[in-house]
Amino acid sequence: MPLPTGTSPDDLVDVATARAWIGLPPLADGATDPVMQLAITAVSQRI
């Protein structure tokens, strides 16, 4: 079963903020980061 890649209503931060905090470059217009999004949702649920 594929893992969810979209945002969750319980996410505590967004992808752009997370990437900036970790030190990753901003995404190009229209680009997505499904792995970071999955991590955000997982950590938000863990909290």
All heavy atoms as atom14 arrays in JSON, in Angstrom:
{
  "sequence": "MPLPTGTSPDDLVDVATARAWIGLPPLADGATDPVMQLAITAVSQRI",
  "atom14_mask": [
    [1, 1, 1, 1, 1, 1, 1, 1, 0, 0, 0, 0, 0, 0],
    [1, 1, 1, 1, 1, 1, 1, 0, 0, 0, 0, 0, 0, 0],
    [1, 1, 1, 1, 1, 1, 1, 1, 0, 0, 0, 0, 0, 0],
    [1, 1, 1, 1, 1, 1, 1, 0, 0, 0, 0, 0, 0, 0],
    [1, 1, 1, 1, 1, 1, 1, 0, 0, 0, 0, 0, 0, 0],
    [1, 1, 1, 1, 0, 0, 0, 0, 0, 0, 0, 0, 0, 0],
    [1, 1, 1, 1, 1, 1, 1, 0, 0, 0, 0, 0, 0, 0],
    [1, 1, 1, 1, 1, 1, 0, 0, 0, 0, 0, 0, 0, 0],
    [1, 1, 1, 1, 1, 1, 1, 0, 0, 0, 0, 0, 0, 0],
    [1, 1, 1, 1, 1, 1, 1, 1, 0, 0, 0, 0, 0, 0],
    [1, 1, 1, 1, 1, 1, 1, 1, 0, 0, 0, 0, 0, 0],
    [1, 1, 1, 1, 1, 1, 1, 1, 0, 0, 0, 0, 0, 0],
    [1, 1, 1, 1, 1, 1, 1, 0, 0, 0, 0, 0, 0, 0],
    [1, 1, 1, 1, 1, 1, 1, 1, 0, 0, 0, 0, 0, 0],
    [1, 1, 1, 1, 1, 1, 1, 0, 0, 0, 0, 0, 0, 0],
    [1, 1, 1, 1, 1, 0, 0, 0, 0, 0, 0, 0, 0, 0],
    [1, 1, 1, 1, 1, 1, 1, 0, 0, 0, 0, 0, 0, 0],
    [1, 1, 1, 1, 1, 0, 0, 0, 0, 0, 0, 0, 0, 0],
    [1, 1, 1, 1, 1, 1, 1, 1, 1, 1, 1, 0, 0, 0],
    [1, 1, 1, 1, 1, 0, 0, 0, 0, 0, 0, 0, 0, 0],
    [1, 1, 1, 1, 1, 1, 1, 1, 1, 1, 1, 1, 1, 1],
    [1, 1, 1, 1, 1, 1, 1, 1, 0, 0, 0, 0, 0, 0],
    [1, 1, 1, 1, 0, 0, 0, 0, 0, 0, 0, 0, 0, 0],
    [1, 1, 1, 1, 1, 1, 1, 1, 0, 0, 0, 0, 0, 0],
    [1, 1, 1, 1, 1, 1, 1, 0, 0, 0, 0, 0, 0, 0],
    [1, 1, 1, 1, 1, 1, 1, 0, 0, 0, 0, 0, 0, 0],
    [1, 1, 1, 1, 1, 1, 1, 1, 0, 0, 0, 0, 0, 0],
    [1, 1, 1, 1, 1, 0, 0, 0, 0, 0, 0, 0, 0, 0],
    [1, 1, 1, 1, 1, 1, 1, 1, 0, 0, 0, 0, 0, 0],
    [1, 1, 1, 1, 0, 0, 0, 0, 0, 0, 0, 0, 0, 0],
    [1, 1, 1, 1, 1, 0, 0, 0, 0, 0, 0, 0, 0, 0],
    [1, 1, 1, 1, 1, 1, 1, 0, 0, 0, 0, 0, 0, 0],
    [1, 1, 1, 1, 1, 1, 1, 1, 0, 0, 0, 0, 0, 0],
    [1, 1, 1, 1, 1, 1, 1, 0, 0, 0, 0, 0, 0, 0],
    [1, 1, 1, 1, 1, 1, 1, 0, 0, 0, 0, 0, 0, 0],
    [1, 1, 1, 1, 1, 1, 1, 1, 0, 0, 0, 0, 0, 0],
    [1, 1, 1, 1, 1, 1, 1, 1, 1, 0, 0, 0, 0, 0],
    [1, 1, 1, 1, 1, 1, 1, 1, 0, 0, 0, 0, 0, 0],
    [1, 1, 1, 1, 1, 0, 0, 0, 0, 0, 0, 0, 0, 0],
    [1, 1, 1, 1, 1, 1, 1, 1, 0, 0, 0, 0, 0, 0],
    [1, 1, 1, 1, 1, 1, 1, 0, 0, 0, 0, 0, 0, 0],
    [1, 1, 1, 1, 1, 0, 0, 0, 0, 0, 0, 0, 0, 0],
    [1, 1, 1, 1, 1, 1, 1, 0, 0, 0, 0, 0, 0, 0],
    [1, 1, 1, 1, 1, 1, 0, 0, 0, 0, 0, 0, 0, 0],
    [1, 1, 1, 1, 1, 1, 1, 1, 1, 0, 0, 0, 0, 0],
    [1, 1, 1, 1, 1, 1, 1, 1, 1, 1, 1, 0, 0, 0],
    [1, 1, 1, 1, 1, 1, 1, 1, 0, 0, 0, 0, 0, 0]
  ],
  "atom14_positions": [
    [[0.85, -1.19, 0.0], [0.0, 0.0, 0.0], [0.89, 1.24, 0.0], [1.78, 1.36, 0.85], [-0.91, 0.0, 1.24], [-1.81, 1.23, 1.33], [-2.84, 1.19, 2.82], [-3.84, -0.27, 2.48], [0.0, 0.0, 0.0], [0.0, 0.0, 0.0], [0.0, 0.0, 0.0], [0.0, 0.0, 0.0], [0.0, 0.0, 0.0], [0.0, 0.0, 0.0]],
    [[0.66, 2.18, -0.94], [1.5, 3.37, -0.99], [1.26, 4.27, 0.22], [0.16, 4.36, 0.75], [1.06, 4.05, -2.29], [-0.34, 3.57, -2.51], [-0.35, 2.14, -2.01], [0.0, 0.0, 0.0], [0.0, 0.0, 0.0], [0.0, 0.0, 0.0], [0.0, 0.0, 0.0], [0.0, 0.0, 0.0], [0.0, 0.0, 0.0], [0.0, 0.0, 0.0]],
    [[2.33, 4.97, 0.66], [2.21, 5.89, 1.78], [1.55, 7.17, 1.33], [1.7, 7.59, 0.18], [3.6, 6.19, 2.35], [4.32, 5.03, 3.03], [5.75, 5.43, 3.37], [3.58, 4.61, 4.29], [0.0, 0.0, 0.0], [0.0, 0.0, 0.0], [0.0, 0.0, 0.0], [0.0, 0.0, 0.0], [0.0, 0.0, 0.0], [0.0, 0.0, 0.0]],
    [[0.81, 7.85, 2.22], [0.19, 9.12, 1.84], [1.25, 10.18, 1.59], [2.28, 10.21, 2.27], [-0.67, 9.46, 3.06], [-0.04, 8.73, 4.2], [0.51, 7.46, 3.61], [0.0, 0.0, 0.0], [0.0, 0.0, 0.0], [0.0, 0.0, 0.0], [0.0, 0.0, 0.0], [0.0, 0.0, 0.0], [0.0, 0.0, 0.0], [0.0, 0.0, 0.0]],
    [[1.02, 11.04, 0.62], [2.0, 12.07, 0.28], [1.43, 13.48, 0.39], [2.15, 14.45, 0.24], [2.52, 11.88, -1.15], [1.41, 11.86, -2.06], [3.28, 10.56, -1.27], [0.0, 0.0, 0.0], [0.0, 0.0, 0.0], [0.0, 0.0, 0.0], [0.0, 0.0, 0.0], [0.0, 0.0, 0.0], [0.0, 0.0, 0.0], [0.0, 0.0, 0.0]],
    [[0.11, 13.61, 0.61], [-0.5, 14.92, 0.7], [-0.45, 15.47, 2.11], [-0.04, 14.8, 3.06], [0.0, 0.0, 0.0], [0.0, 0.0, 0.0], [0.0, 0.0, 0.0], [0.0, 0.0, 0.0], [0.0, 0.0, 0.0], [0.0, 0.0, 0.0], [0.0, 0.0, 0.0], [0.0, 0.0, 0.0], [0.0, 0.0, 0.0], [0.0, 0.0, 0.0]],
    [[-0.85, 16.73, 2.25], [-0.87, 17.36, 3.56], [-1.95, 16.74, 4.44], [-2.93, 16.18, 3.95], [-1.12, 18.87, 3.45], [-2.39, 19.08, 2.82], [-0.02, 19.54, 2.62], [0.0, 0.0, 0.0], [0.0, 0.0, 0.0], [0.0, 0.0, 0.0], [0.0, 0.0, 0.0], [0.0, 0.0, 0.0], [0.0, 0.0, 0.0], [0.0, 0.0, 0.0]],
    [[-1.75, 16.85, 5.74], [-2.73, 16.38, 6.72], [-3.27, 17.59, 7.47], [-2.52, 18.54, 7.72], [-2.08, 15.4, 7.7], [-2.89, 15.22, 8.84], [0.0, 0.0, 0.0], [0.0, 0.0, 0.0], [0.0, 0.0, 0.0], [0.0, 0.0, 0.0], [0.0, 0.0, 0.0], [0.0, 0.0, 0.0], [0.0, 0.0, 0.0], [0.0, 0.0, 0.0]],
    [[-4.54, 17.57, 7.84], [-5.09, 18.7, 8.6], [-4.42, 18.87, 9.96], [-4.56, 19.92, 10.59], [-6.58, 18.35, 8.74], [-6.65, 16.88, 8.51], [-5.57, 16.56, 7.53], [0.0, 0.0, 0.0], [0.0, 0.0, 0.0], [0.0, 0.0, 0.0], [0.0, 0.0, 0.0], [0.0, 0.0, 0.0], [0.0, 0.0, 0.0], [0.0, 0.0, 0.0]],
    [[-3.69, 17.86, 10.42], [-3.03, 17.93, 11.73], [-1.56, 18.33, 11.63], [-0.85, 18.36, 12.64], [-3.14, 16.58, 12.45], [-4.58, 16.24, 12.81], [-5.36, 17.17, 13.07], [-4.92, 15.05, 12.81], [0.0, 0.0, 0.0], [0.0, 0.0, 0.0], [0.0, 0.0, 0.0], [0.0, 0.0, 0.0], [0.0, 0.0, 0.0], [0.0, 0.0, 0.0]],
    [[-1.07, 18.67, 10.43], [0.33, 19.08, 10.27], [0.61, 20.35, 11.08], [-0.17, 21.31, 11.04], [0.66, 19.34, 8.8], [0.71, 18.05, 7.99], [0.73, 16.96, 8.59], [0.73, 18.16, 6.74], [0.0, 0.0, 0.0], [0.0, 0.0, 0.0], [0.0, 0.0, 0.0], [0.0, 0.0, 0.0], [0.0, 0.0, 0.0], [0.0, 0.0, 0.0]],
    [[1.73, 20.37, 11.78], [2.09, 21.51, 12.62], [2.94, 22.54, 11.91], [3.03, 23.69, 12.36], [2.83, 21.01, 13.88], [1.99, 20.11, 14.8], [2.86, 19.54, 15.91], [0.82, 20.89, 15.39], [0.0, 0.0, 0.0], [0.0, 0.0, 0.0], [0.0, 0.0, 0.0], [0.0, 0.0, 0.0], [0.0, 0.0, 0.0], [0.0, 0.0, 0.0]],
    [[3.61, 22.16, 10.82], [4.4, 23.09, 10.01], [4.18, 22.73, 8.54], [3.61, 21.7, 8.23], [5.91, 23.01, 10.35], [6.17, 23.44, 11.79], [6.46, 21.61, 10.1], [0.0, 0.0, 0.0], [0.0, 0.0, 0.0], [0.0, 0.0, 0.0], [0.0, 0.0, 0.0], [0.0, 0.0, 0.0], [0.0, 0.0, 0.0], [0.0, 0.0, 0.0]],
    [[4.66, 23.59, 7.64], [4.55, 23.29, 6.22], [5.91, 22.93, 5.63], [6.95, 23.06, 6.28], [3.91, 24.44, 5.45], [4.68, 25.75, 5.59], [5.91, 25.73, 5.77], [4.04, 26.82, 5.53], [0.0, 0.0, 0.0], [0.0, 0.0, 0.0], [0.0, 0.0, 0.0], [0.0, 0.0, 0.0], [0.0, 0.0, 0.0], [0.0, 0.0, 0.0]],
    [[5.9, 22.45, 4.4], [7.12, 21.98, 3.76], [8.15, 23.09, 3.61], [9.34, 22.89, 3.86], [6.79, 21.35, 2.39], [8.06, 21.11, 1.58], [6.04, 20.03, 2.58], [0.0, 0.0, 0.0], [0.0, 0.0, 0.0], [0.0, 0.0, 0.0], [0.0, 0.0, 0.0], [0.0, 0.0, 0.0], [0.0, 0.0, 0.0], [0.0, 0.0, 0.0]],
    [[7.71, 24.27, 3.19], [8.66, 25.37, 2.97], [9.39, 25.73, 4.25], [10.62, 25.93, 4.25], [7.91, 26.58, 2.42], [0.0, 0.0, 0.0], [0.0, 0.0, 0.0], [0.0, 0.0, 0.0], [0.0, 0.0, 0.0], [0.0, 0.0, 0.0], [0.0, 0.0, 0.0], [0.0, 0.0, 0.0], [0.0, 0.0, 0.0], [0.0, 0.0, 0.0]],
    [[8.67, 25.78, 5.37], [9.29, 26.12, 6.65], [10.25, 25.03, 7.08], [11.36, 25.31, 7.57], [8.21, 26.32, 7.72], [7.31, 27.35, 7.3], [8.83, 26.72, 9.04], [0.0, 0.0, 0.0], [0.0, 0.0, 0.0], [0.0, 0.0, 0.0], [0.0, 0.0, 0.0], [0.0, 0.0, 0.0], [0.0, 0.0, 0.0], [0.0, 0.0, 0.0]],
    [[9.86, 23.77, 6.91], [10.71, 22.65, 7.31], [12.0, 22.63, 6.5], [13.09, 22.44, 7.04], [9.96, 21.34, 7.15], [0.0, 0.0, 0.0], [0.0, 0.0, 0.0], [0.0, 0.0, 0.0], [0.0, 0.0, 0.0], [0.0, 0.0, 0.0], [0.0, 0.0, 0.0], [0.0, 0.0, 0.0], [0.0, 0.0, 0.0], [0.0, 0.0, 0.0]],
    [[11.91, 22.82, 5.21], [13.1, 22.82, 4.36], [14.03, 23.97, 4.74], [15.25, 23.81, 4.79], [12.7, 22.92, 2.89], [12.08, 21.64, 2.32], [11.68, 21.82, 0.86], [12.84, 22.1, 0.01], [13.6, 21.17, -0.56], [13.31, 19.89, -0.38], [14.63, 21.52, -1.31], [0.0, 0.0, 0.0], [0.0, 0.0, 0.0], [0.0, 0.0, 0.0]],
    [[13.48, 25.14, 5.02], [14.3, 26.28, 5.41], [15.02, 26.01, 6.72], [16.21, 26.34, 6.88], [13.44, 27.54, 5.52], [0.0, 0.0, 0.0], [0.0, 0.0, 0.0], [0.0, 0.0, 0.0], [0.0, 0.0, 0.0], [0.0, 0.0, 0.0], [0.0, 0.0, 0.0], [0.0, 0.0, 0.0], [0.0, 0.0, 0.0], [0.0, 0.0, 0.0]],
    [[14.33, 25.38, 7.68], [14.93, 25.12, 9.0], [16.06, 24.1, 8.89], [17.1, 24.23, 9.53], [13.86, 24.62, 9.96], [14.37, 24.33, 11.35], [14.45, 23.13, 11.97], [14.87, 25.29, 12.28], [14.97, 23.26, 13.23], [15.24, 24.59, 13.45], [15.05, 26.68, 12.24], [15.77, 25.23, 14.57], [15.58, 27.32, 13.36], [15.93, 26.59, 14.5]],
    [[15.88, 23.11, 8.06], [16.9, 22.08, 7.88], [18.06, 22.58, 7.03], [19.18, 22.08, 7.12], [16.26, 20.81, 7.27], [15.32, 20.16, 8.31], [17.31, 19.81, 6.8], [14.51, 19.01, 7.76], [0.0, 0.0, 0.0], [0.0, 0.0, 0.0], [0.0, 0.0, 0.0], [0.0, 0.0, 0.0], [0.0, 0.0, 0.0], [0.0, 0.0, 0.0]],
    [[17.82, 23.62, 6.25], [18.88, 24.18, 5.42], [18.84, 23.73, 3.98], [19.85, 23.84, 3.26], [0.0, 0.0, 0.0], [0.0, 0.0, 0.0], [0.0, 0.0, 0.0], [0.0, 0.0, 0.0], [0.0, 0.0, 0.0], [0.0, 0.0, 0.0], [0.0, 0.0, 0.0], [0.0, 0.0, 0.0], [0.0, 0.0, 0.0], [0.0, 0.0, 0.0]],
    [[17.69, 23.25, 3.53], [17.52, 22.83, 2.14], [17.07, 24.03, 1.3], [16.39, 24.92, 1.8], [16.5, 21.7, 2.04], [16.85, 20.41, 2.79], [15.68, 19.44, 2.73], [18.11, 19.79, 2.23], [0.0, 0.0, 0.0], [0.0, 0.0, 0.0], [0.0, 0.0, 0.0], [0.0, 0.0, 0.0], [0.0, 0.0, 0.0], [0.0, 0.0, 0.0]],
    [[17.42, 24.06, 0.02], [17.02, 25.18, -0.83], [15.51, 25.19, -1.06], [14.85, 24.15, -0.98], [17.78, 24.91, -2.13], [18.0, 23.43, -2.14], [18.23, 23.05, -0.71], [0.0, 0.0, 0.0], [0.0, 0.0, 0.0], [0.0, 0.0, 0.0], [0.0, 0.0, 0.0], [0.0, 0.0, 0.0], [0.0, 0.0, 0.0], [0.0, 0.0, 0.0]],
    [[14.95, 26.37, -1.34], [13.51, 26.45, -1.63], [13.17, 25.62, -2.85], [13.98, 25.45, -3.77], [13.28, 27.94, -1.88], [14.45, 28.63, -1.25], [15.61, 27.69, -1.38], [0.0, 0.0, 0.0], [0.0, 0.0, 0.0], [0.0, 0.0, 0.0], [0.0, 0.0, 0.0], [0.0, 0.0, 0.0], [0.0, 0.0, 0.0], [0.0, 0.0, 0.0]],
    [[11.95, 25.1, -2.87], [11.48, 24.36, -4.04], [11.17, 25.31, -5.19], [10.77, 26.46, -4.98], [10.21, 23.58, -3.68], [10.37, 22.4, -2.7], [9.0, 21.9, -2.29], [11.19, 21.3, -3.32], [0.0, 0.0, 0.0], [0.0, 0.0, 0.0], [0.0, 0.0, 0.0], [0.0, 0.0, 0.0], [0.0, 0.0, 0.0], [0.0, 0.0, 0.0]],
    [[11.38, 24.81, -6.4], [11.01, 25.58, -7.57], [9.49, 25.71, -7.63], [8.76, 24.9, -7.03], [11.52, 24.9, -8.84], [0.0, 0.0, 0.0], [0.0, 0.0, 0.0], [0.0, 0.0, 0.0], [0.0, 0.0, 0.0], [0.0, 0.0, 0.0], [0.0, 0.0, 0.0], [0.0, 0.0, 0.0], [0.0, 0.0, 0.0], [0.0, 0.0, 0.0]],
    [[9.0, 26.73, -8.3], [7.57, 26.94, -8.41], [6.88, 25.68, -8.95], [7.28, 25.13, -9.98], [7.27, 28.11, -9.35], [7.67, 29.45, -8.76], [7.89, 29.49, -7.54], [7.77, 30.43, -9.51], [0.0, 0.0, 0.0], [0.0, 0.0, 0.0], [0.0, 0.0, 0.0], [0.0, 0.0, 0.0], [0.0, 0.0, 0.0], [0.0, 0.0, 0.0]],
    [[5.87, 25.25, -8.24], [5.11, 24.08, -8.67], [5.7, 22.75, -8.25], [5.06, 21.71, -8.41], [0.0, 0.0, 0.0], [0.0, 0.0, 0.0], [0.0, 0.0, 0.0], [0.0, 0.0, 0.0], [0.0, 0.0, 0.0], [0.0, 0.0, 0.0], [0.0, 0.0, 0.0], [0.0, 0.0, 0.0], [0.0, 0.0, 0.0], [0.0, 0.0, 0.0]],
    [[6.92, 22.75, -7.7], [7.56, 21.5, -7.27], [7.03, 21.07, -5.9], [6.55, 21.9, -5.12], [9.07, 21.66, -7.22], [0.0, 0.0, 0.0], [0.0, 0.0, 0.0], [0.0, 0.0, 0.0], [0.0, 0.0, 0.0], [0.0, 0.0, 0.0], [0.0, 0.0, 0.0], [0.0, 0.0, 0.0], [0.0, 0.0, 0.0], [0.0, 0.0, 0.0]],
    [[7.11, 19.79, -5.62], [6.67, 19.26, -4.33], [7.79, 18.44, -3.7], [8.75, 18.07, -4.37], [5.42, 18.37, -4.5], [5.75, 17.25, -5.36], [4.27, 19.16, -5.1], [0.0, 0.0, 0.0], [0.0, 0.0, 0.0], [0.0, 0.0, 0.0], [0.0, 0.0, 0.0], [0.0, 0.0, 0.0], [0.0, 0.0, 0.0], [0.0, 0.0, 0.0]],
    [[7.65, 18.17, -2.44], [8.61, 17.35, -1.71], [7.82, 16.33, -0.9], [7.57, 16.52, 0.29], [9.48, 18.22, -0.79], [10.62, 17.45, -0.15], [10.55, 16.2, -0.13], [11.57, 18.09, 0.35], [0.0, 0.0, 0.0], [0.0, 0.0, 0.0], [0.0, 0.0, 0.0], [0.0, 0.0, 0.0], [0.0, 0.0, 0.0], [0.0, 0.0, 0.0]],
    [[7.37, 15.24, -1.53], [6.51, 14.28, -0.85], [7.17, 13.6, 0.35], [6.49, 13.24, 1.31], [6.15, 13.27, -1.95], [7.2, 13.43, -2.99], [7.6, 14.87, -2.94], [0.0, 0.0, 0.0], [0.0, 0.0, 0.0], [0.0, 0.0, 0.0], [0.0, 0.0, 0.0], [0.0, 0.0, 0.0], [0.0, 0.0, 0.0], [0.0, 0.0, 0.0]],
    [[8.49, 13.42, 0.29], [9.17, 12.78, 1.41], [9.15, 13.69, 2.64], [8.86, 13.25, 3.76], [10.62, 12.42, 1.04], [11.37, 11.89, 2.25], [10.63, 11.37, -0.08], [0.0, 0.0, 0.0], [0.0, 0.0, 0.0], [0.0, 0.0, 0.0], [0.0, 0.0, 0.0], [0.0, 0.0, 0.0], [0.0, 0.0, 0.0], [0.0, 0.0, 0.0]],
    [[9.45, 14.98, 2.44], [9.39, 15.93, 3.55], [7.97, 16.05, 4.08], [7.74, 16.13, 5.28], [9.91, 17.29, 3.11], [9.92, 18.34, 4.23], [11.06, 17.9, 5.58], [12.64, 18.22, 4.75], [0.0, 0.0, 0.0], [0.0, 0.0, 0.0], [0.0, 0.0, 0.0], [0.0, 0.0, 0.0], [0.0, 0.0, 0.0], [0.0, 0.0, 0.0]],
    [[7.0, 16.05, 3.18], [5.61, 16.14, 3.6], [5.22, 14.94, 4.46], [4.55, 15.08, 5.49], [4.68, 16.22, 2.39], [3.2, 16.28, 2.74], [2.87, 17.46, 3.62], [3.02, 18.6, 3.21], [2.43, 17.2, 4.84], [0.0, 0.0, 0.0], [0.0, 0.0, 0.0], [0.0, 0.0, 0.0], [0.0, 0.0, 0.0], [0.0, 0.0, 0.0]],
    [[5.66, 13.77, 4.05], [5.38, 12.56, 4.84], [6.02, 12.66, 6.21], [5.41, 12.31, 7.23], [5.91, 11.33, 4.1], [5.74, 9.98, 4.82], [4.27, 9.66, 5.03], [6.41, 8.87, 4.01], [0.0, 0.0, 0.0], [0.0, 0.0, 0.0], [0.0, 0.0, 0.0], [0.0, 0.0, 0.0], [0.0, 0.0, 0.0], [0.0, 0.0, 0.0]],
    [[7.26, 13.18, 6.27], [7.95, 13.32, 7.55], [7.23, 14.31, 8.46], [7.1, 14.09, 9.67], [9.39, 13.76, 7.31], [0.0, 0.0, 0.0], [0.0, 0.0, 0.0], [0.0, 0.0, 0.0], [0.0, 0.0, 0.0], [0.0, 0.0, 0.0], [0.0, 0.0, 0.0], [0.0, 0.0, 0.0], [0.0, 0.0, 0.0], [0.0, 0.0, 0.0]],
    [[6.75, 15.42, 7.89], [6.02, 16.42, 8.68], [4.77, 15.8, 9.29], [4.48, 15.97, 10.48], [5.64, 17.62, 7.79], [6.89, 18.44, 7.45], [4.6, 18.51, 8.49], [6.65, 19.5, 6.4], [0.0, 0.0, 0.0], [0.0, 0.0, 0.0], [0.0, 0.0, 0.0], [0.0, 0.0, 0.0], [0.0, 0.0, 0.0], [0.0, 0.0, 0.0]],
    [[4.01, 15.07, 8.47], [2.79, 14.45, 8.97], [3.11, 13.41, 10.05], [2.43, 13.35, 11.08], [2.03, 13.79, 7.81], [1.63, 14.8, 6.87], [0.78, 13.06, 8.3], [0.0, 0.0, 0.0], [0.0, 0.0, 0.0], [0.0, 0.0, 0.0], [0.0, 0.0, 0.0], [0.0, 0.0, 0.0], [0.0, 0.0, 0.0], [0.0, 0.0, 0.0]],
    [[4.17, 12.63, 9.84], [4.54, 11.6, 10.82], [4.95, 12.23, 12.15], [4.53, 11.78, 13.22], [5.67, 10.74, 10.26], [0.0, 0.0, 0.0], [0.0, 0.0, 0.0], [0.0, 0.0, 0.0], [0.0, 0.0, 0.0], [0.0, 0.0, 0.0], [0.0, 0.0, 0.0], [0.0, 0.0, 0.0], [0.0, 0.0, 0.0], [0.0, 0.0, 0.0]],
    [[5.79, 13.26, 12.1], [6.25, 13.9, 13.34], [5.1, 14.63, 14.03], [4.98, 14.59, 15.26], [7.43, 14.85, 13.05], [7.77, 15.68, 14.3], [8.64, 14.07, 12.61], [0.0, 0.0, 0.0], [0.0, 0.0, 0.0], [0.0, 0.0, 0.0], [0.0, 0.0, 0.0], [0.0, 0.0, 0.0], [0.0, 0.0, 0.0], [0.0, 0.0, 0.0]],
    [[4.24, 15.28, 13.26], [3.07, 15.95, 13.84], [2.18, 14.94, 14.57], [1.69, 15.2, 15.68], [2.27, 16.66, 12.75], [3.02, 17.68, 12.14], [0.0, 0.0, 0.0], [0.0, 0.0, 0.0], [0.0, 0.0, 0.0], [0.0, 0.0, 0.0], [0.0, 0.0, 0.0], [0.0, 0.0, 0.0], [0.0, 0.0, 0.0], [0.0, 0.0, 0.0]],
    [[1.97, 13.77, 13.96], [1.16, 12.73, 14.6], [1.87, 12.18, 15.83], [1.23, 11.87, 16.85], [0.89, 11.61, 13.6], [-0.05, 12.02, 12.47], [-0.22, 10.94, 11.42], [0.51, 9.95, 11.4], [-1.18, 11.13, 10.53], [0.0, 0.0, 0.0], [0.0, 0.0, 0.0], [0.0, 0.0, 0.0], [0.0, 0.0, 0.0], [0.0, 0.0, 0.0]],
    [[3.19, 12.06, 15.74], [3.96, 11.56, 16.88], [3.84, 12.51, 18.07], [3.69, 12.07, 19.23], [5.42, 11.43, 16.46], [6.29, 10.58, 17.38], [7.68, 10.45, 16.82], [7.69, 9.84, 15.49], [8.72, 9.9, 14.66], [9.81, 10.56, 15.0], [8.65, 9.3, 13.49], [0.0, 0.0, 0.0], [0.0, 0.0, 0.0], [0.0, 0.0, 0.0]],
    [[3.88, 13.81, 17.81], [3.74, 14.8, 18.87], [2.35, 14.72, 19.49], [2.2, 14.72, 20.72], [4.03, 16.21, 18.33], [5.53, 16.37, 18.04], [3.56, 17.29, 19.3], [5.9, 17.67, 17.36], [0.0, 0.0, 0.0], [0.0, 0.0, 0.0], [0.0, 0.0, 0.0], [0.0, 0.0, 0.0], [0.0, 0.0, 0.0], [0.0, 0.0, 0.0]]
  ]
}
